[in-house]
Amino acid sequence: MVNLPNTVPAPDYRRMVDVAYNRRPDRLPVYEHLVNVAFMEKATGTQFEALAGGDDADLARYFEYYCGFYHAMTYDTVSFEVCITEILPGGGALLGEHPGPVQTRADFDRYPWDELPQRFWAVADRRFRALAATMPPGMKALGGVGNGIFEISEDLVGYEHLAYMSHDDPELYADLYRRIGDLMVTIWSEFLDRYADLFAVCRVGDDQGYKVSTLVAPHVIRQHMVPQYRRVIDLVHRAGRPFLWHSCGNIFAIMDDMIDAGIDAKHSNEDVIAPFGAWIERFGDRIGLVGGIDVDILCRDDPQAVFERAVEMGRRFRSQARGYALGSGNSIPDYVPVEGYMAMIRAAEALRAEELIVQGRAV
């Protein structure tokens, strides 16, 4: 357990809305795709993860701690999503546990597609309601329906088996992505009807690449995945919300396609692929960009080095990009040292104090 920030400025979710729309917010925000709950427990010294599996009162207490962490760490939004892969019968291939339940046309035809939205809401509605009831004043959520087109296909089929399917049965391969798109549109439509007011920014996480390229050929992504993304993004925009896309890996080959599909902001970077400044240089005039502090830095550098580097990098990125929020390049898993993470949060505080001095206001 470490000391929390000395002061917690009043949160304002509109700062992350500005970032997502590639506008400069009045104060530097911090952003994380996700913070692992075990990490939150380690940082705060409070055990609360088990409450998520309890009754309504326990779930409310869980979200009080969950949202309270984001508030205490000076975020303006609470990152939260319920993943579609959580409710897929026979799923698990995304994690390499086994081949997925859809390998043939017969598997596809008998899969219970029509039951999936009901299965999702049986799990998700209770969580979203508890989140709404415990949201701190001035904050809103950022996220929504977890998993993107590619991750769902990996969970239903398996990465290697998708390659076989694309060659052996290209018609089934195309139908799979159209059906996943239908599923996402159905769930996202209901989500936006029920909870658009709770969420400041909508987001999908869908890792499409690795260190040297996309995980499948760019033309395959353009043909089968980008059109389905466009359908979801259009729904989000019609609900008056910006859309943030999280995708790891070297995905430069499809960035123009995703921007054309309507993404408003992008997250995830690794310095081994490209320094964050390269993302700003190439795309900062068109979309918001968030993160910038490689998780490897948080894990390997001593806290003072993390602080100094995050201050230097955050100052540079804030000046170069219109829509920018400081944070890790990916997320905060449980193995990140608490001291390294807190050094990044202290860097954000220091940068905000610098800006107040420049503006002639008291710190």
Protein backbone atom coordinates (compact mmCIF):
# COMPACT_ATOMS: atom_id res chain seq x y z
CA MET A 1 0.00 0.00 0.00
CA VAL A 2 1.22 3.51 -0.82
CA ASN A 3 0.03 7.00 -0.08
CA LEU A 4 -2.74 8.31 -2.30
CA PRO A 5 -2.35 11.68 -4.06
CA ASN A 6 -2.29 14.60 -1.62
CA THR A 7 -5.16 16.39 -3.32
CA VAL A 8 -7.92 15.08 -5.52
CA PRO A 9 -9.07 17.76 -7.98
CA ALA A 10 -12.73 17.86 -8.84
CA PRO A 11 -13.33 15.39 -11.69
CA ASP A 12 -15.03 16.47 -14.88
CA TYR A 13 -15.84 13.76 -17.43
CA ARG A 14 -16.01 16.41 -20.16
CA ARG A 15 -12.22 16.47 -20.22
CA MET A 16 -12.13 12.94 -21.63
CA VAL A 17 -14.90 13.85 -24.06
CA ASP A 18 -12.66 16.68 -25.28
CA VAL A 19 -9.71 14.29 -25.59
CA ALA A 20 -11.79 11.79 -27.54
CA TYR A 21 -12.95 14.52 -29.93
CA ASN A 22 -9.33 15.67 -30.33
CA ARG A 23 -9.86 18.92 -28.45
CA ARG A 24 -7.49 20.25 -25.83
CA PRO A 25 -9.09 19.89 -22.36
CA ASP A 26 -8.66 22.57 -19.71
CA ARG A 27 -6.58 20.21 -17.56
CA LEU A 28 -4.41 17.22 -18.39
CA PRO A 29 -6.49 14.06 -17.78
CA VAL A 30 -5.20 10.60 -16.97
CA TYR A 31 -6.54 7.51 -18.70
CA GLU A 32 -6.25 3.76 -18.40
CA HIS A 33 -7.86 1.14 -20.57
CA LEU A 34 -8.25 -0.99 -17.44
CA VAL A 35 -6.75 -1.18 -13.97
CA ASN A 36 -6.63 -4.72 -12.64
CA VAL A 37 -8.71 -5.06 -9.46
CA ALA A 38 -5.98 -7.05 -7.72
CA PHE A 39 -3.70 -4.09 -8.41
CA MET A 40 -6.26 -1.72 -6.89
CA GLU A 41 -6.34 -3.90 -3.77
CA LYS A 42 -2.56 -3.88 -3.57
CA ALA A 43 -2.39 -0.11 -4.01
CA THR A 44 -5.08 0.74 -1.47
CA GLY A 45 -4.69 -2.09 1.02
CA THR A 46 -8.41 -2.89 0.71
CA GLN A 47 -9.70 -6.31 -0.35
CA PHE A 48 -12.92 -6.00 -2.32
CA GLU A 49 -12.78 -8.15 -5.48
CA ALA A 50 -14.79 -10.97 -3.86
CA LEU A 51 -17.71 -8.58 -3.36
CA ALA A 52 -18.40 -8.66 -7.11
CA GLY A 53 -19.82 -12.16 -6.76
CA GLY A 54 -22.17 -11.33 -3.89
CA ASP A 55 -25.68 -9.96 -3.58
CA ASP A 56 -26.80 -6.50 -4.65
CA ALA A 57 -25.46 -4.89 -1.48
CA ASP A 58 -22.05 -6.52 -1.99
CA LEU A 59 -21.99 -5.47 -5.62
CA ALA A 60 -22.77 -1.88 -4.64
CA ARG A 61 -19.86 -1.94 -2.18
CA TYR A 62 -17.62 -3.41 -4.87
CA PHE A 63 -18.33 -0.51 -7.20
CA GLU A 64 -17.92 2.02 -4.40
CA TYR A 65 -14.34 0.78 -4.02
CA TYR A 66 -13.85 0.40 -7.78
CA CYS A 67 -15.06 3.90 -8.65
CA GLY A 68 -13.40 5.30 -5.54
CA PHE A 69 -10.01 4.14 -6.82
CA TYR A 70 -10.40 6.06 -10.09
CA HIS A 71 -11.58 9.13 -8.19
CA ALA A 72 -8.71 9.00 -5.71
CA MET A 73 -6.17 8.59 -8.53
CA THR A 74 -7.45 11.81 -10.17
CA TYR A 75 -9.20 10.28 -13.19
CA ASP A 76 -12.16 12.08 -14.73
CA THR A 77 -13.79 8.86 -15.95
CA VAL A 78 -14.14 5.30 -14.68
CA SER A 79 -13.02 2.66 -17.17
CA PHE A 80 -15.49 -0.21 -17.23
CA GLU A 81 -16.86 -2.75 -19.68
CA VAL A 82 -18.69 -6.06 -19.75
CA CYS A 83 -17.17 -8.39 -22.34
CA ILE A 84 -19.14 -10.35 -24.90
CA THR A 85 -16.65 -13.22 -24.67
CA GLU A 86 -17.75 -13.73 -21.07
CA ILE A 87 -21.12 -15.10 -22.20
CA LEU A 88 -20.22 -17.11 -25.32
CA PRO A 89 -21.17 -20.81 -24.93
CA GLY A 90 -18.06 -22.91 -25.54
CA GLY A 91 -15.85 -19.82 -25.71
CA GLY A 92 -12.27 -19.61 -24.52
CA ALA A 93 -10.31 -20.04 -27.73
CA LEU A 94 -9.18 -16.41 -27.47
CA LEU A 95 -7.08 -17.48 -24.49
CA GLY A 96 -5.83 -20.58 -26.27
CA GLU A 97 -7.74 -22.93 -23.98
CA HIS A 98 -9.14 -25.09 -26.82
CA PRO A 99 -10.50 -24.77 -30.37
CA GLY A 100 -13.64 -22.66 -30.43
CA PRO A 101 -17.17 -24.02 -30.84
CA VAL A 102 -17.51 -22.83 -34.45
CA GLN A 103 -15.34 -24.83 -36.83
CA THR A 104 -17.77 -25.85 -39.60
CA ARG A 105 -20.91 -24.59 -41.31
CA ALA A 106 -22.93 -27.00 -39.16
CA ASP A 107 -21.36 -25.53 -36.00
CA PHE A 108 -22.19 -22.04 -37.22
CA ASP A 109 -25.79 -22.91 -38.05
CA ARG A 110 -26.55 -24.53 -34.69
CA TYR A 111 -24.73 -21.96 -32.55
CA PRO A 112 -27.26 -20.13 -30.31
CA TRP A 113 -26.72 -16.69 -31.82
CA ASP A 114 -30.20 -15.45 -31.01
CA GLU A 115 -29.76 -16.27 -27.30
CA LEU A 116 -26.56 -14.28 -26.88
CA PRO A 117 -28.03 -10.79 -26.26
CA GLN A 118 -30.24 -12.18 -23.50
CA ARG A 119 -27.25 -13.99 -21.99
CA PHE A 120 -25.26 -10.77 -22.11
CA TRP A 121 -27.88 -8.69 -20.33
CA ALA A 122 -28.42 -11.35 -17.68
CA VAL A 123 -24.80 -10.72 -16.68
CA ALA A 124 -24.30 -7.07 -17.61
CA ASP A 125 -27.41 -5.17 -16.54
CA ARG A 126 -26.86 -5.71 -12.82
CA ARG A 127 -23.28 -4.46 -13.08
CA PHE A 128 -24.12 -1.38 -15.11
CA ARG A 129 -26.91 -0.46 -12.67
CA ALA A 130 -24.56 -0.81 -9.70
CA LEU A 131 -21.93 1.26 -11.50
CA ALA A 132 -24.47 4.01 -12.16
CA ALA A 133 -25.59 4.06 -8.53
CA THR A 134 -22.05 4.53 -7.20
CA MET A 135 -20.53 6.90 -9.79
CA PRO A 136 -18.80 9.83 -8.01
CA PRO A 137 -20.11 13.34 -8.80
CA GLY A 138 -18.49 14.86 -11.86
CA MET A 139 -17.46 11.48 -13.28
CA LYS A 140 -18.91 9.22 -15.93
CA ALA A 141 -17.82 5.87 -17.25
CA LEU A 142 -15.66 5.16 -20.29
CA GLY A 143 -16.03 1.82 -22.05
CA GLY A 144 -19.26 -0.13 -22.48
CA VAL A 145 -19.49 -3.45 -24.33
CA GLY A 146 -16.13 -5.19 -24.29
CA ASN A 147 -14.42 -7.08 -27.14
CA GLY A 148 -14.27 -6.21 -30.79
CA ILE A 149 -14.93 -8.05 -34.02
CA PHE A 150 -11.63 -9.91 -34.20
CA GLU A 151 -11.42 -10.95 -30.55
CA ILE A 152 -14.94 -12.40 -30.68
CA SER A 153 -14.04 -14.37 -33.80
CA GLU A 154 -10.91 -15.67 -32.07
CA ASP A 155 -12.95 -16.76 -29.07
CA LEU A 156 -15.51 -18.57 -31.24
CA VAL A 157 -13.05 -20.22 -33.63
CA GLY A 158 -9.44 -19.82 -32.50
CA TYR A 159 -6.68 -17.83 -34.15
CA GLU A 160 -5.08 -20.70 -36.07
CA HIS A 161 -8.43 -22.22 -36.99
CA LEU A 162 -9.59 -18.87 -38.41
CA ALA A 163 -6.69 -19.12 -40.86
CA TYR A 164 -7.83 -22.59 -41.91
CA MET A 165 -11.43 -21.43 -42.25
CA SER A 166 -10.49 -18.45 -44.43
CA HIS A 167 -8.82 -20.83 -46.88
CA ASP A 168 -11.09 -23.89 -46.65
CA ASP A 169 -14.47 -22.15 -46.45
CA PRO A 170 -14.24 -18.44 -47.34
CA GLU A 171 -18.03 -18.13 -47.47
CA LEU A 172 -18.32 -19.33 -43.87
CA TYR A 173 -15.48 -16.99 -42.91
CA ALA A 174 -17.37 -14.02 -44.36
CA ASP A 175 -20.64 -15.10 -42.77
CA LEU A 176 -18.95 -15.39 -39.37
CA TYR A 177 -17.90 -11.74 -39.38
CA ARG A 178 -21.28 -10.56 -40.61
CA ARG A 179 -22.97 -12.53 -37.83
CA ILE A 180 -20.61 -11.14 -35.20
CA GLY A 181 -21.38 -7.68 -36.54
CA ASP A 182 -25.10 -8.36 -36.16
CA LEU A 183 -24.52 -9.50 -32.57
CA MET A 184 -22.50 -6.41 -31.69
CA VAL A 185 -25.06 -4.08 -33.26
CA THR A 186 -27.88 -5.74 -31.30
CA ILE A 187 -26.05 -5.54 -27.95
CA TRP A 188 -24.65 -2.05 -28.52
CA SER A 189 -28.06 -0.72 -29.59
CA GLU A 190 -29.62 -1.91 -26.33
CA PHE A 191 -26.65 -0.69 -24.33
CA LEU A 192 -26.96 2.80 -25.76
CA ASP A 193 -30.69 2.87 -25.13
CA ARG A 194 -30.16 1.91 -21.49
CA TYR A 195 -26.85 3.45 -20.49
CA ALA A 196 -25.66 6.14 -22.91
CA ASP A 197 -26.14 8.77 -20.18
CA LEU A 198 -23.80 6.85 -17.86
CA PHE A 199 -20.93 6.76 -20.37
CA ALA A 200 -18.96 9.80 -21.50
CA VAL A 201 -16.98 7.89 -24.15
CA CYS A 202 -17.70 4.51 -25.71
CA ARG A 203 -14.83 2.17 -26.38
CA VAL A 204 -13.97 -1.17 -27.94
CA GLY A 205 -10.78 -3.10 -27.26
CA ASP A 206 -9.74 -5.38 -30.11
CA ASP A 207 -6.07 -6.27 -30.46
CA GLN A 208 -5.35 -6.46 -34.18
CA GLY A 209 -1.56 -6.61 -34.29
CA TYR A 210 1.74 -7.67 -32.82
CA LYS A 211 5.20 -6.14 -32.96
CA VAL A 212 5.79 -6.17 -36.70
CA SER A 213 2.38 -6.28 -38.40
CA THR A 214 -1.33 -6.93 -38.12
CA LEU A 215 -2.35 -10.43 -36.99
CA VAL A 216 -4.14 -11.07 -40.27
CA ALA A 217 -3.56 -9.45 -43.65
CA PRO A 218 -4.73 -5.83 -43.83
CA HIS A 219 -6.97 -6.54 -46.82
CA VAL A 220 -8.80 -9.18 -44.76
CA ILE A 221 -9.44 -6.64 -41.99
CA ARG A 222 -10.67 -4.11 -44.54
CA GLN A 223 -13.00 -6.59 -46.19
CA HIS A 224 -14.47 -8.39 -43.18
CA MET A 225 -13.97 -6.34 -40.03
CA VAL A 226 -13.93 -2.64 -40.86
CA PRO A 227 -17.50 -2.67 -42.28
CA GLN A 228 -18.79 -4.23 -39.07
CA TYR A 229 -16.92 -1.67 -37.01
CA ARG A 230 -18.50 1.09 -39.03
CA ARG A 231 -21.96 -0.18 -38.03
CA VAL A 232 -21.12 -0.02 -34.30
CA ILE A 233 -19.35 3.34 -34.56
CA ASP A 234 -22.35 4.82 -36.38
CA LEU A 235 -24.60 3.69 -33.51
CA VAL A 236 -22.31 5.33 -30.97
CA HIS A 237 -22.19 8.57 -32.94
CA ARG A 238 -25.96 8.66 -33.34
CA ALA A 239 -26.17 8.41 -29.54
CA GLY A 240 -23.98 11.53 -29.32
CA ARG A 241 -20.89 9.80 -27.93
CA PRO A 242 -17.31 9.68 -29.21
CA PHE A 243 -15.74 6.31 -30.00
CA LEU A 244 -12.30 5.30 -28.69
CA TRP A 245 -10.57 2.30 -30.25
CA HIS A 246 -8.04 0.30 -28.23
CA SER A 247 -5.85 -2.00 -30.30
CA CYS A 248 -2.39 -3.31 -29.53
CA GLY A 249 0.30 -4.03 -32.06
CA ASN A 250 1.70 -2.64 -35.27
CA ILE A 251 -1.54 -1.64 -36.95
CA PHE A 252 -0.34 1.28 -39.03
CA ALA A 253 -1.50 -0.50 -42.20
CA ILE A 254 -5.17 -0.24 -41.16
CA MET A 255 -5.20 3.05 -39.24
CA ASP A 256 -6.48 5.09 -42.18
CA ASP A 257 -9.27 2.55 -42.67
CA MET A 258 -10.32 2.75 -39.03
CA ILE A 259 -10.21 6.55 -39.04
CA ASP A 260 -12.34 6.52 -42.19
CA ALA A 261 -14.73 4.15 -40.37
CA GLY A 262 -15.19 6.87 -37.76
CA ILE A 263 -13.00 6.25 -34.71
CA ASP A 264 -12.49 9.47 -32.77
CA ALA A 265 -9.53 8.39 -30.63
CA LYS A 266 -6.97 5.60 -30.34
CA HIS A 267 -5.17 3.95 -27.43
CA SER A 268 -2.35 1.44 -26.97
CA ASN A 269 1.29 1.83 -27.85
CA GLU A 270 4.58 0.05 -27.32
CA ASP A 271 7.84 1.90 -27.76
CA VAL A 272 9.37 -1.20 -29.38
CA ILE A 273 6.85 -0.74 -32.22
CA ALA A 274 6.93 3.06 -32.48
CA PRO A 275 7.48 5.92 -30.03
CA PHE A 276 4.28 7.66 -29.05
CA GLY A 277 5.42 10.80 -30.81
CA ALA A 278 5.20 8.93 -34.11
CA TRP A 279 1.49 8.31 -33.50
CA ILE A 280 0.97 12.01 -32.82
CA GLU A 281 2.94 13.00 -35.90
CA ARG A 282 0.99 10.67 -38.18
CA PHE A 283 -2.53 10.88 -36.75
CA GLY A 284 -2.70 13.67 -34.17
CA ASP A 285 -4.37 16.09 -36.57
CA ARG A 286 -7.30 13.68 -37.06
CA ILE A 287 -7.94 11.78 -33.81
CA GLY A 288 -7.30 11.96 -30.09
CA LEU A 289 -4.41 9.85 -28.80
CA VAL A 290 -4.03 8.65 -25.22
CA GLY A 291 -1.41 6.84 -23.15
CA GLY A 292 2.23 7.20 -24.13
CA ILE A 293 4.00 5.74 -21.07
CA ASP A 294 5.13 2.24 -22.01
CA VAL A 295 4.16 -0.37 -19.41
CA ASP A 296 7.75 -1.61 -19.54
CA ILE A 297 8.84 1.74 -18.10
CA LEU A 298 6.43 1.41 -15.19
CA CYS A 299 7.67 -2.10 -14.49
CA ARG A 300 11.43 -1.73 -14.90
CA ASP A 301 12.40 1.83 -13.97
CA ASP A 302 12.74 3.00 -10.38
CA PRO A 303 9.94 5.33 -9.23
CA GLN A 304 11.96 8.53 -9.49
CA ALA A 305 13.01 7.66 -13.03
CA VAL A 306 9.38 6.89 -13.92
CA PHE A 307 8.30 10.23 -12.47
CA GLU A 308 10.93 12.23 -14.34
CA ARG A 309 10.33 10.43 -17.62
CA ALA A 310 6.54 10.71 -17.35
CA VAL A 311 6.81 14.43 -16.64
CA GLU A 312 9.09 14.97 -19.62
CA MET A 313 7.03 12.82 -21.97
CA GLY A 314 3.67 14.09 -20.73
CA ARG A 315 4.78 17.70 -21.14
CA ARG A 316 5.89 16.99 -24.71
CA PHE A 317 2.79 15.02 -25.71
CA ARG A 318 0.45 17.60 -24.16
CA SER A 319 2.10 20.31 -26.25
CA GLN A 320 2.16 18.27 -29.47
CA ALA A 321 -1.35 16.80 -29.46
CA ARG A 322 -4.73 18.49 -29.09
CA GLY A 323 -6.60 15.54 -27.62
CA TYR A 324 -4.23 13.86 -25.18
CA ALA A 325 -4.53 12.08 -21.83
CA LEU A 326 -1.55 10.73 -19.89
CA GLY A 327 -1.46 7.04 -19.04
CA SER A 328 0.15 3.72 -19.73
CA GLY A 329 0.50 2.43 -23.25
CA ASN A 330 -1.75 -0.52 -22.47
CA SER A 331 -3.27 -1.13 -19.02
CA ILE A 332 -2.30 -1.73 -15.39
CA PRO A 333 -2.10 -5.49 -14.71
CA ASP A 334 -1.44 -6.82 -11.24
CA TYR A 335 2.31 -7.23 -11.83
CA VAL A 336 2.95 -3.51 -12.35
CA PRO A 337 4.77 -2.17 -9.27
CA VAL A 338 2.51 0.12 -7.29
CA GLU A 339 5.37 2.58 -6.83
CA GLY A 340 5.90 2.86 -10.60
CA TYR A 341 2.21 3.47 -11.23
CA MET A 342 2.00 6.07 -8.47
CA ALA A 343 5.03 7.84 -9.92
CA MET A 344 3.08 8.26 -13.17
CA ILE A 345 0.07 9.65 -11.27
CA ARG A 346 2.36 12.06 -9.39
CA ALA A 347 3.79 13.15 -12.76
CA ALA A 348 0.29 14.05 -13.93
CA GLU A 349 -0.20 16.09 -10.74
CA ALA A 350 3.10 17.87 -11.33
CA LEU A 351 2.19 18.71 -14.91
CA ARG A 352 -1.16 20.12 -13.84
CA ALA A 353 0.61 22.27 -11.24
CA GLU A 354 2.99 23.54 -13.94
CA GLU A 355 0.07 24.55 -16.11
CA LEU A 356 -1.57 26.44 -13.26
CA ILE A 357 1.63 28.39 -12.66
CA VAL A 358 1.90 29.24 -16.35
CA GLN A 359 -1.71 30.38 -16.32
CA GLY A 360 -1.01 32.56 -13.30
CA ARG A 361 -3.33 30.65 -10.99
CA ALA A 362 -2.53 29.34 -7.53
CA VAL A 363 -1.53 25.70 -7.27
